């Protein structure tokens, strides 16, 4: 069984920066950072990242940015979605894929609203035409 590789502070900061570039659509946490690092084959615990002030500051800033992005209520989020801002925020291929999924989700949302409102309008037209027909029959 081999010994664990020791990383210097600069390497750990670089690793944390790489993680923060890939997690632009989810809340960054030390647990997720550690899991992400382990997926890439390194064995670094979250306590090591917590011990470095620069990484703590980066994580805090990214968590705050995430909280600000999530501050809008869902119903308003569809209306206030700023595509240009979202595209500028994408920093990785995974982020781009998530943005595309988000845009497709919004497209489905608006299509459903359109289809349901169109169906309601059609139903209303049929109902009013039936009412008018019945009124004509009653008058005769």
Protein backbone atom coordinates (compact mmCIF):
# COMPACT_ATOMS: atom_id res chain seq x y z
CA UNK A 1 0.00 0.00 0.00
CA UNK A 2 1.54 3.30 -1.10
CA UNK A 3 1.69 6.55 0.75
CA UNK A 4 -0.64 9.40 -0.12
CA UNK A 5 0.85 12.08 -2.32
CA UNK A 6 1.30 15.39 -0.56
CA UNK A 7 0.08 18.48 -2.38
CA UNK A 8 1.38 21.97 -1.85
CA UNK A 9 -0.97 24.90 -1.36
CA UNK A 10 -0.66 26.14 -4.96
CA UNK A 11 -1.67 22.72 -6.34
CA UNK A 12 -4.66 22.54 -4.00
CA UNK A 13 -5.76 26.05 -5.01
CA UNK A 14 -5.47 25.07 -8.68
CA UNK A 15 -7.55 21.92 -8.05
CA UNK A 16 -10.21 23.98 -6.25
CA UNK A 17 -10.28 26.48 -9.14
CA UNK A 18 -10.79 23.65 -11.63
CA UNK A 19 -13.67 22.33 -9.53
CA UNK A 20 -15.29 25.76 -9.33
CA UNK A 21 -15.08 26.07 -13.12
CA UNK A 22 -17.01 22.83 -13.56
CA UNK A 23 -19.71 23.36 -10.93
CA UNK A 24 -21.14 26.62 -12.25
CA UNK A 25 -24.74 25.31 -12.13
CA UNK A 26 -24.70 23.73 -8.66
CA UNK A 27 -23.90 24.97 -5.19
CA UNK A 28 -20.19 24.47 -4.50
CA UNK A 29 -19.47 22.60 -1.26
CA UNK A 30 -16.36 21.08 0.24
CA UNK A 31 -18.01 17.65 0.15
CA UNK A 32 -18.70 17.97 -3.57
CA UNK A 33 -15.17 19.28 -4.11
CA UNK A 34 -13.69 16.27 -2.33
CA UNK A 35 -15.95 13.86 -4.24
CA UNK A 36 -15.03 15.55 -7.53
CA UNK A 37 -11.33 15.19 -6.70
CA UNK A 38 -11.78 11.51 -5.79
CA UNK A 39 -13.52 10.89 -9.13
CA UNK A 40 -10.38 12.13 -10.86
CA UNK A 41 -8.29 9.60 -8.94
CA UNK A 42 -6.82 11.76 -6.19
CA UNK A 43 -7.42 11.11 -2.51
CA UNK A 44 -7.80 14.52 -0.89
CA UNK A 45 -10.22 15.04 1.97
CA UNK A 46 -12.39 18.12 2.31
CA UNK A 47 -10.66 19.10 5.58
CA UNK A 48 -7.47 19.83 3.64
CA UNK A 49 -9.31 22.30 1.38
CA UNK A 50 -10.99 23.92 4.40
CA UNK A 51 -7.58 24.58 5.96
CA UNK A 52 -6.43 26.91 3.17
CA UNK A 53 -7.74 30.51 3.53
CA UNK A 54 -7.59 31.23 -0.22
CA UNK A 55 -9.78 28.22 -0.99
CA UNK A 56 -12.19 29.14 1.81
CA UNK A 57 -12.55 32.62 0.30
CA UNK A 58 -13.06 31.23 -3.24
CA UNK A 59 -15.68 28.77 -2.00
CA UNK A 60 -17.47 31.47 -0.02
CA UNK A 61 -17.59 33.79 -3.05
CA UNK A 62 -18.92 31.02 -5.31
CA UNK A 63 -21.51 29.95 -2.73
CA UNK A 64 -22.66 33.56 -2.45
CA UNK A 65 -22.86 33.87 -6.26
CA UNK A 66 -24.88 30.65 -6.39
CA UNK A 67 -27.25 31.92 -3.67
CA UNK A 68 -27.81 35.16 -5.60
CA UNK A 69 -28.61 33.20 -8.77
CA UNK A 70 -31.10 31.04 -6.87
CA UNK A 71 -32.75 34.05 -5.19
CA UNK A 72 -35.50 34.41 -7.80
CA UNK A 73 -38.72 32.48 -7.31
CA UNK A 74 -39.28 29.72 -9.89
CA UNK A 75 -42.34 31.36 -11.47
CA UNK A 76 -40.42 34.59 -12.03
CA UNK A 77 -37.22 32.83 -13.06
CA UNK A 78 -38.72 31.75 -16.37
CA UNK A 79 -39.68 35.29 -17.22
CA UNK A 80 -36.49 37.00 -16.02
CA UNK A 81 -34.08 34.49 -17.55
CA UNK A 82 -31.22 36.50 -19.06
CA UNK A 83 -29.64 34.36 -21.76
CA UNK A 84 -26.65 36.66 -22.26
CA UNK A 85 -25.81 36.57 -18.54
CA UNK A 86 -26.21 32.78 -18.42
CA UNK A 87 -23.99 32.27 -21.47
CA UNK A 88 -21.28 34.48 -19.94
CA UNK A 89 -21.50 32.47 -16.70
CA UNK A 90 -20.81 29.17 -18.48
CA UNK A 91 -17.21 28.18 -17.90
CA UNK A 92 -17.08 24.55 -19.00
CA UNK A 93 -18.58 22.04 -21.41
CA UNK A 94 -20.63 20.54 -18.58
CA UNK A 95 -21.98 24.00 -17.80
CA UNK A 96 -22.88 24.50 -21.46
CA UNK A 97 -24.75 21.19 -21.50
CA UNK A 98 -26.65 22.19 -18.36
CA UNK A 99 -27.49 25.57 -19.90
CA UNK A 100 -28.84 23.86 -23.02
CA UNK A 101 -30.96 21.59 -20.83
CA UNK A 102 -32.21 24.62 -18.92
CA UNK A 103 -33.14 26.40 -22.15
CA UNK A 104 -34.94 23.31 -23.42
CA UNK A 105 -36.81 23.08 -20.11
CA UNK A 106 -37.91 26.69 -20.44
CA UNK A 107 -38.96 26.10 -24.04
CA UNK A 108 -41.15 23.18 -22.89
CA UNK A 109 -42.55 25.33 -20.08
CA UNK A 110 -43.63 28.12 -22.44
CA UNK A 111 -44.88 25.65 -25.06
CA UNK A 112 -47.06 24.00 -22.39
CA UNK A 113 -48.44 27.38 -21.36
CA UNK A 114 -49.16 28.26 -24.98
CA UNK A 115 -50.80 24.92 -25.70
CA UNK A 116 -52.92 24.98 -22.55
CA UNK A 117 -54.02 28.58 -23.16
CA UNK A 118 -54.81 27.72 -26.80
CA UNK A 119 -56.80 24.71 -25.67
CA UNK A 120 -58.67 26.86 -23.16
CA UNK A 121 -59.40 29.44 -25.85
CA UNK A 122 -60.71 26.73 -28.19
CA UNK A 123 -62.88 25.30 -25.42
CA UNK A 124 -64.22 28.77 -24.64
CA UNK A 125 -65.06 29.37 -28.32
CA UNK A 126 -66.88 26.05 -28.54
CA UNK A 127 -68.75 26.77 -25.31
CA UNK A 128 -69.87 30.25 -26.40
CA UNK A 129 -70.90 29.03 -29.86
CA UNK A 130 -72.94 26.23 -28.23
CA UNK A 131 -74.57 28.76 -25.89
CA UNK A 132 -75.46 31.03 -28.82
CA UNK A 133 -76.88 28.08 -30.74
CA UNK A 134 -79.00 27.05 -27.76
CA UNK A 135 -80.27 30.62 -27.34
CA UNK A 136 -81.32 30.70 -31.02
CA UNK A 137 -83.13 27.38 -30.61
CA UNK A 138 -84.96 28.65 -27.51
CA UNK A 139 -86.06 31.83 -29.30
CA UNK A 140 -87.70 29.83 -32.10
